[in-house]
Amino acid sequence: MICEIWFAPREIVNFNRKQMIWLISWLPVLQGGEWPYNPMPHVGRSTSRKRCARFTTPCEFAAEVELRLERARTKNYHDDVMVKARYCLDEDDRVIAFLVGCAVEDVDHRINRALRYIKGRYRKRMPYTEWLAHRR
């Protein structure tokens, strides 16, 4: 899974849309305790010393993404599953629609809506159902 973009852990501060999509697409790797490989050649050596184990940073980012995705799930809306299916599993919209039981036309809208909810420097304080009602 090689992407044109790559983020170092120190670059992910605001959890913007691109960073969230990138983190979700690399979620299995992050959960395994590894940071995704940088496809760009690295010039020079890093002189910074870590005060924690190598796997803690990827696992912390994976936990944050999982928590934000989990908050985008309600009794009636499984938008977290849709986001993971698209960006982590590269599933087609028809398959995603079949998995969650919605119309194919609604898939893109619901995924974008969930991404708007989970992005941002801080987690939303408002539950997903209230946020959805407030946005209408």
N, C-alpha and C. Protein backbone atom coordinates (compact mmCIF):
# COMPACT_ATOMS: atom_id res chain seq x y z
N MET A 1 0.85 -1.17 0.00
CA MET A 1 0.00 0.00 0.00
C MET A 1 0.90 1.24 0.00
N ILE A 2 1.25 1.73 -1.15
CA ILE A 2 2.12 2.90 -1.26
C ILE A 2 1.28 4.07 -1.74
N CYS A 3 1.33 5.16 -1.01
CA CYS A 3 0.58 6.36 -1.36
C CYS A 3 1.54 7.45 -1.81
N GLU A 4 1.00 8.42 -2.52
CA GLU A 4 1.82 9.56 -2.91
C GLU A 4 2.08 10.47 -1.72
N ILE A 5 1.18 10.50 -0.77
CA ILE A 5 1.39 11.34 0.40
C ILE A 5 1.83 10.48 1.57
N TRP A 6 2.54 11.08 2.49
CA TRP A 6 3.01 10.40 3.69
C TRP A 6 3.08 11.42 4.80
N PHE A 7 2.73 11.03 5.98
CA PHE A 7 2.77 11.92 7.13
C PHE A 7 3.64 11.31 8.21
N ALA A 8 4.49 12.15 8.78
CA ALA A 8 5.24 11.76 9.97
C ALA A 8 4.32 12.00 11.17
N PRO A 9 4.53 11.30 12.27
CA PRO A 9 3.65 11.50 13.43
C PRO A 9 3.59 12.95 13.89
N ARG A 10 4.69 13.66 13.82
CA ARG A 10 4.71 15.06 14.28
C ARG A 10 3.92 15.99 13.36
N GLU A 11 3.62 15.54 12.13
CA GLU A 11 2.86 16.36 11.20
C GLU A 11 1.35 16.26 11.42
N ILE A 12 0.92 15.24 12.13
CA ILE A 12 -0.51 15.02 12.35
C ILE A 12 -0.89 15.65 13.69
N VAL A 13 -1.37 16.87 13.61
CA VAL A 13 -1.77 17.61 14.80
C VAL A 13 -3.25 17.93 14.75
N ASN A 14 -3.72 18.35 13.57
CA ASN A 14 -5.10 18.81 13.44
C ASN A 14 -6.08 17.73 13.00
N PHE A 15 -5.59 16.57 12.62
CA PHE A 15 -6.45 15.48 12.13
C PHE A 15 -7.40 16.00 11.05
N ASN A 16 -6.85 16.62 10.01
CA ASN A 16 -7.69 17.11 8.92
C ASN A 16 -8.14 15.94 8.05
N ARG A 17 -8.94 16.23 7.04
CA ARG A 17 -9.55 15.20 6.22
C ARG A 17 -8.50 14.28 5.56
N LYS A 18 -7.49 14.88 4.94
CA LYS A 18 -6.45 14.08 4.27
C LYS A 18 -5.73 13.19 5.27
N GLN A 19 -5.41 13.74 6.44
CA GLN A 19 -4.70 12.96 7.45
C GLN A 19 -5.57 11.83 7.98
N MET A 20 -6.86 12.08 8.18
CA MET A 20 -7.75 11.03 8.67
C MET A 20 -7.89 9.91 7.64
N ILE A 21 -8.05 10.27 6.38
CA ILE A 21 -8.16 9.25 5.34
C ILE A 21 -6.87 8.44 5.28
N TRP A 22 -5.73 9.12 5.38
CA TRP A 22 -4.44 8.43 5.34
C TRP A 22 -4.31 7.49 6.53
N LEU A 23 -4.66 7.97 7.73
CA LEU A 23 -4.58 7.12 8.92
C LEU A 23 -5.51 5.92 8.83
N ILE A 24 -6.72 6.12 8.33
CA ILE A 24 -7.68 5.02 8.20
C ILE A 24 -7.16 3.99 7.19
N SER A 25 -6.56 4.47 6.09
CA SER A 25 -6.07 3.52 5.09
C SER A 25 -4.89 2.70 5.61
N TRP A 26 -4.16 3.22 6.58
CA TRP A 26 -3.03 2.50 7.17
C TRP A 26 -3.38 1.92 8.54
N LEU A 27 -4.64 1.87 8.90
CA LEU A 27 -5.05 1.43 10.23
C LEU A 27 -4.53 0.05 10.64
N PRO A 28 -4.58 -0.98 9.78
CA PRO A 28 -4.04 -2.28 10.20
C PRO A 28 -2.54 -2.23 10.52
N VAL A 29 -1.80 -1.45 9.77
CA VAL A 29 -0.36 -1.32 10.03
C VAL A 29 -0.12 -0.61 11.36
N LEU A 30 -0.87 0.46 11.59
CA LEU A 30 -0.74 1.21 12.85
C LEU A 30 -1.13 0.35 14.04
N GLN A 31 -2.18 -0.45 13.90
CA GLN A 31 -2.60 -1.32 14.99
C GLN A 31 -1.56 -2.39 15.28
N GLY A 32 -0.77 -2.72 14.27
CA GLY A 32 0.32 -3.68 14.46
C GLY A 32 1.55 -3.07 15.11
N GLY A 33 1.52 -1.77 15.39
CA GLY A 33 2.63 -1.13 16.09
C GLY A 33 3.71 -0.59 15.18
N GLU A 34 3.43 -0.48 13.90
CA GLU A 34 4.42 0.04 12.94
C GLU A 34 3.90 1.32 12.33
N TRP A 35 4.80 2.24 12.01
CA TRP A 35 4.42 3.43 11.26
C TRP A 35 4.61 3.13 9.79
N PRO A 36 3.69 3.54 8.92
CA PRO A 36 3.83 3.24 7.49
C PRO A 36 5.15 3.73 6.91
N TYR A 37 5.65 2.96 5.97
CA TYR A 37 6.93 3.26 5.34
C TYR A 37 6.83 4.53 4.51
N ASN A 38 7.84 5.37 4.61
CA ASN A 38 7.90 6.61 3.83
C ASN A 38 8.43 6.29 2.43
N PRO A 39 7.62 6.50 1.37
CA PRO A 39 8.07 6.18 0.02
C PRO A 39 9.12 7.15 -0.52
N MET A 40 9.24 8.32 0.11
CA MET A 40 10.23 9.29 -0.33
C MET A 40 11.56 8.98 0.33
N PRO A 41 12.67 9.13 -0.41
CA PRO A 41 13.97 8.84 0.20
C PRO A 41 14.27 9.82 1.34
N HIS A 42 14.83 9.30 2.40
CA HIS A 42 15.15 10.12 3.57
C HIS A 42 16.58 10.61 3.46
N VAL A 43 16.75 11.90 3.59
CA VAL A 43 18.09 12.49 3.52
C VAL A 43 18.53 12.81 4.93
N GLY A 44 19.72 12.38 5.28
CA GLY A 44 20.25 12.64 6.62
C GLY A 44 19.73 11.63 7.62
N ARG A 45 20.18 11.81 8.85
CA ARG A 45 19.75 10.91 9.92
C ARG A 45 19.03 11.69 10.99
N SER A 46 18.09 11.07 11.59
CA SER A 46 17.37 11.69 12.69
C SER A 46 18.23 11.61 13.94
N THR A 47 18.36 12.72 14.63
CA THR A 47 19.17 12.73 15.84
C THR A 47 18.32 12.73 17.09
N SER A 48 17.01 12.76 16.94
CA SER A 48 16.15 12.78 18.12
C SER A 48 16.08 11.39 18.75
N ARG A 49 16.01 11.39 20.05
CA ARG A 49 15.90 10.14 20.81
C ARG A 49 14.48 10.00 21.32
N LYS A 50 13.95 8.82 21.21
CA LYS A 50 12.61 8.55 21.71
C LYS A 50 12.70 8.10 23.16
N ARG A 51 11.72 8.51 23.94
CA ARG A 51 11.67 8.10 25.34
C ARG A 51 10.63 7.01 25.56
N CYS A 52 10.11 6.47 24.46
CA CYS A 52 9.11 5.41 24.58
C CYS A 52 9.40 4.34 23.52
N ALA A 53 8.70 3.25 23.59
CA ALA A 53 8.89 2.17 22.64
C ALA A 53 8.42 2.59 21.25
N ARG A 54 8.97 1.97 20.21
CA ARG A 54 8.64 2.31 18.83
C ARG A 54 7.17 2.12 18.51
N PHE A 55 6.54 1.15 19.13
CA PHE A 55 5.16 0.82 18.78
C PHE A 55 4.13 1.72 19.45
N THR A 56 4.53 2.52 20.44
CA THR A 56 3.53 3.30 21.17
C THR A 56 2.89 4.39 20.32
N THR A 57 3.67 5.11 19.53
CA THR A 57 3.10 6.19 18.71
C THR A 57 2.11 5.66 17.69
N PRO A 58 2.46 4.63 16.88
CA PRO A 58 1.45 4.11 15.95
C PRO A 58 0.20 3.58 16.65
N CYS A 59 0.37 2.92 17.78
CA CYS A 59 -0.78 2.38 18.50
C CYS A 59 -1.65 3.50 19.07
N GLU A 60 -1.04 4.60 19.50
CA GLU A 60 -1.82 5.73 20.01
C GLU A 60 -2.64 6.37 18.89
N PHE A 61 -2.04 6.52 17.71
CA PHE A 61 -2.78 7.07 16.58
C PHE A 61 -3.91 6.13 16.16
N ALA A 62 -3.63 4.83 16.14
CA ALA A 62 -4.66 3.85 15.78
C ALA A 62 -5.82 3.90 16.78
N ALA A 63 -5.50 4.02 18.05
CA ALA A 63 -6.54 4.09 19.08
C ALA A 63 -7.39 5.35 18.92
N GLU A 64 -6.75 6.46 18.60
CA GLU A 64 -7.49 7.72 18.40
C GLU A 64 -8.43 7.61 17.20
N VAL A 65 -7.94 7.03 16.10
CA VAL A 65 -8.77 6.86 14.91
C VAL A 65 -9.94 5.92 15.21
N GLU A 66 -9.66 4.82 15.88
CA GLU A 66 -10.72 3.87 16.24
C GLU A 66 -11.77 4.51 17.14
N LEU A 67 -11.33 5.31 18.09
CA LEU A 67 -12.27 5.97 18.99
C LEU A 67 -13.15 6.96 18.23
N ARG A 68 -12.55 7.73 17.35
CA ARG A 68 -13.33 8.68 16.57
C ARG A 68 -14.31 7.96 15.65
N LEU A 69 -13.88 6.87 15.03
CA LEU A 69 -14.77 6.10 14.17
C LEU A 69 -15.91 5.47 14.97
N GLU A 70 -15.58 4.98 16.14
CA GLU A 70 -16.60 4.35 16.99
C GLU A 70 -17.68 5.36 17.38
N ARG A 71 -17.29 6.61 17.55
CA ARG A 71 -18.27 7.65 17.90
C ARG A 71 -19.19 7.97 16.73
N ALA A 72 -18.78 7.61 15.50
CA ALA A 72 -19.61 7.84 14.32
C ALA A 72 -20.56 6.66 14.06
N ARG A 73 -20.77 5.85 15.07
CA ARG A 73 -21.68 4.70 14.95
C ARG A 73 -22.83 4.89 15.92
N THR A 74 -24.02 4.66 15.42
CA THR A 74 -25.20 4.71 16.27
C THR A 74 -26.02 3.46 16.01
N LYS A 75 -27.16 3.39 16.65
CA LYS A 75 -28.04 2.24 16.46
C LYS A 75 -28.49 2.11 15.01
N ASN A 76 -28.75 3.24 14.37
CA ASN A 76 -29.28 3.23 13.00
C ASN A 76 -28.23 3.50 11.93
N TYR A 77 -27.14 4.15 12.30
CA TYR A 77 -26.12 4.53 11.32
C TYR A 77 -24.81 3.79 11.61
N HIS A 78 -24.34 3.06 10.63
CA HIS A 78 -23.05 2.37 10.75
C HIS A 78 -22.05 3.03 9.81
N ASP A 79 -21.94 4.33 9.95
CA ASP A 79 -21.08 5.09 9.06
C ASP A 79 -19.61 4.76 9.27
N ASP A 80 -19.23 4.34 10.47
CA ASP A 80 -17.85 3.95 10.72
C ASP A 80 -17.46 2.73 9.88
N VAL A 81 -18.38 1.80 9.73
CA VAL A 81 -18.12 0.61 8.91
C VAL A 81 -17.93 1.01 7.44
N MET A 82 -18.74 1.97 7.01
CA MET A 82 -18.64 2.44 5.62
C MET A 82 -17.29 3.11 5.35
N VAL A 83 -16.84 3.93 6.29
CA VAL A 83 -15.56 4.62 6.13
C VAL A 83 -14.42 3.61 6.09
N LYS A 84 -14.43 2.64 7.01
CA LYS A 84 -13.38 1.61 7.02
C LYS A 84 -13.41 0.77 5.74
N ALA A 85 -14.61 0.41 5.31
CA ALA A 85 -14.73 -0.42 4.11
C ALA A 85 -14.17 0.30 2.90
N ARG A 86 -14.41 1.59 2.78
CA ARG A 86 -13.91 2.32 1.61
C ARG A 86 -12.40 2.55 1.68
N TYR A 87 -11.91 3.07 2.80
CA TYR A 87 -10.51 3.50 2.84
C TYR A 87 -9.55 2.45 3.36
N CYS A 88 -10.03 1.51 4.13
CA CYS A 88 -9.14 0.47 4.66
C CYS A 88 -9.17 -0.79 3.79
N LEU A 89 -10.36 -1.14 3.30
CA LEU A 89 -10.51 -2.36 2.52
C LEU A 89 -10.66 -2.11 1.02
N ASP A 90 -10.77 -0.84 0.59
CA ASP A 90 -10.94 -0.47 -0.82
C ASP A 90 -12.15 -1.16 -1.46
N GLU A 91 -13.24 -1.21 -0.73
CA GLU A 91 -14.45 -1.84 -1.24
C GLU A 91 -15.21 -0.90 -2.17
N ASP A 92 -15.95 -1.48 -3.09
CA ASP A 92 -16.80 -0.75 -4.01
C ASP A 92 -18.04 -0.24 -3.28
N ASP A 93 -18.63 0.84 -3.77
CA ASP A 93 -19.81 1.43 -3.13
C ASP A 93 -20.98 0.45 -3.08
N ARG A 94 -21.12 -0.41 -4.08
CA ARG A 94 -22.21 -1.39 -4.07
C ARG A 94 -22.04 -2.39 -2.94
N VAL A 95 -20.82 -2.80 -2.69
CA VAL A 95 -20.54 -3.74 -1.60
C VAL A 95 -20.81 -3.07 -0.26
N ILE A 96 -20.37 -1.83 -0.12
CA ILE A 96 -20.59 -1.08 1.12
C ILE A 96 -22.09 -0.91 1.37
N ALA A 97 -22.82 -0.56 0.34
CA ALA A 97 -24.27 -0.39 0.49
C ALA A 97 -24.93 -1.69 0.93
N PHE A 98 -24.48 -2.81 0.37
CA PHE A 98 -25.01 -4.12 0.75
C PHE A 98 -24.69 -4.43 2.21
N LEU A 99 -23.46 -4.11 2.64
CA LEU A 99 -23.04 -4.40 4.02
C LEU A 99 -23.88 -3.68 5.06
N VAL A 100 -24.19 -2.42 4.81
CA VAL A 100 -24.92 -1.63 5.81
C VAL A 100 -26.41 -1.51 5.51
N GLY A 101 -26.84 -2.00 4.37
CA GLY A 101 -28.26 -1.98 4.04
C GLY A 101 -28.79 -0.61 3.68
N CYS A 102 -28.08 0.10 2.82
CA CYS A 102 -28.56 1.40 2.38
C CYS A 102 -28.48 1.47 0.86
N ALA A 103 -29.00 2.53 0.30
CA ALA A 103 -28.95 2.72 -1.15
C ALA A 103 -27.53 3.09 -1.58
N VAL A 104 -27.15 2.64 -2.75
CA VAL A 104 -25.80 2.93 -3.28
C VAL A 104 -25.59 4.44 -3.39
N GLU A 105 -26.65 5.18 -3.70
CA GLU A 105 -26.55 6.62 -3.87
C GLU A 105 -26.22 7.34 -2.56
N ASP A 106 -26.52 6.71 -1.42
CA ASP A 106 -26.29 7.33 -0.11
C ASP A 106 -24.90 7.09 0.45
N VAL A 107 -24.16 6.16 -0.12
CA VAL A 107 -22.87 5.76 0.44
C VAL A 107 -21.90 6.93 0.51
N ASP A 108 -21.70 7.61 -0.59
CA ASP A 108 -20.73 8.71 -0.64
C ASP A 108 -21.10 9.81 0.35
N HIS A 109 -22.38 10.15 0.39
CA HIS A 109 -22.84 11.20 1.30
C HIS A 109 -22.59 10.82 2.76
N ARG A 110 -22.90 9.59 3.12
CA ARG A 110 -22.73 9.16 4.51
C ARG A 110 -21.26 9.04 4.91
N ILE A 111 -20.42 8.63 3.99
CA ILE A 111 -18.98 8.55 4.29
C ILE A 111 -18.42 9.95 4.49
N ASN A 112 -18.78 10.88 3.61
CA ASN A 112 -18.30 12.26 3.75
C ASN A 112 -18.81 12.89 5.04
N ARG A 113 -20.04 12.59 5.40
CA ARG A 113 -20.62 13.10 6.63
C ARG A 113 -19.86 12.57 7.85
N ALA A 114 -19.52 11.29 7.84
CA ALA A 114 -18.77 10.70 8.95
C ALA A 114 -17.36 11.29 9.02
N LEU A 115 -16.73 11.52 7.87
CA LEU A 115 -15.40 12.14 7.86
C LEU A 115 -15.44 13.55 8.43
N ARG A 116 -16.50 14.29 8.13
CA ARG A 116 -16.63 15.64 8.70
C ARG A 116 -16.76 15.57 10.22
N TYR A 117 -17.40 14.52 10.71
CA TYR A 117 -17.58 14.38 12.16
C TYR A 117 -16.28 13.98 12.86
N ILE A 118 -15.51 13.08 12.26
CA ILE A 118 -14.33 12.56 12.97
C ILE A 118 -13.09 13.42 12.79
N LYS A 119 -13.09 14.33 11.83
CA LYS A 119 -11.90 15.15 11.63
C LYS A 119 -11.87 16.29 12.64
N GLY A 120 -10.74 16.94 12.75
CA GLY A 120 -10.60 18.09 13.64
C GLY A 120 -9.57 17.85 14.71
N ARG A 121 -9.04 18.94 15.21
CA ARG A 121 -8.00 18.86 16.23
C ARG A 121 -8.48 18.12 17.48
N TYR A 122 -9.73 18.39 17.85
CA TYR A 122 -10.30 17.74 19.03
C TYR A 122 -11.52 16.92 18.62
N ARG A 123 -11.85 15.93 19.45
CA ARG A 123 -13.06 15.15 19.19
C ARG A 123 -14.28 16.03 19.44
N LYS A 124 -15.33 15.75 18.70
CA LYS A 124 -16.58 16.48 18.89
C LYS A 124 -17.18 16.10 20.25
N ARG A 125 -17.66 17.07 20.96
CA ARG A 125 -18.30 16.79 22.26
C ARG A 125 -19.73 16.28 22.07
N MET A 126 -20.34 16.70 20.99
CA MET A 126 -21.73 16.34 20.71
C MET A 126 -21.78 14.91 20.15
N PRO A 127 -22.68 14.06 20.65
CA PRO A 127 -22.83 12.73 20.07
C PRO A 127 -23.22 12.81 18.59
N TYR A 128 -22.93 11.76 17.86
CA TYR A 128 -23.14 11.75 16.41
C TYR A 128 -24.59 12.02 16.03
N THR A 129 -25.53 11.43 16.74
CA THR A 129 -26.95 11.63 16.39
C THR A 129 -27.36 13.08 16.58
N GLU A 130 -26.89 13.72 17.66
CA GLU A 130 -27.20 15.13 17.87
C GLU A 130 -26.51 15.99 16.82
N TRP A 131 -25.28 15.65 16.51
CA TRP A 131 -24.53 16.39 15.49
C TRP A 131 -25.23 16.31 14.15
N LEU A 132 -25.75 15.14 13.81
CA LEU A 132 -26.48 14.98 12.56
C LEU A 132 -27.74 15.83 12.55
N ALA A 133 -28.47 15.84 13.65
CA ALA A 133 -29.69 16.63 13.73
C ALA A 133 -29.39 18.12 13.67
N HIS A 134 -28.28 18.51 14.28
CA HIS A 134 -27.87 19.92 14.29
C HIS A 134 -27.45 20.38 12.89
N ARG A 135 -26.87 19.50 12.10
CA ARG A 135 -26.35 19.84 10.77
C ARG A 135 -27.47 19.96 9.73
N ARG A 136 -28.63 19.44 9.99
CA ARG A 136 -29.71 19.45 8.99
C ARG A 136 -30.41 20.77 8.93
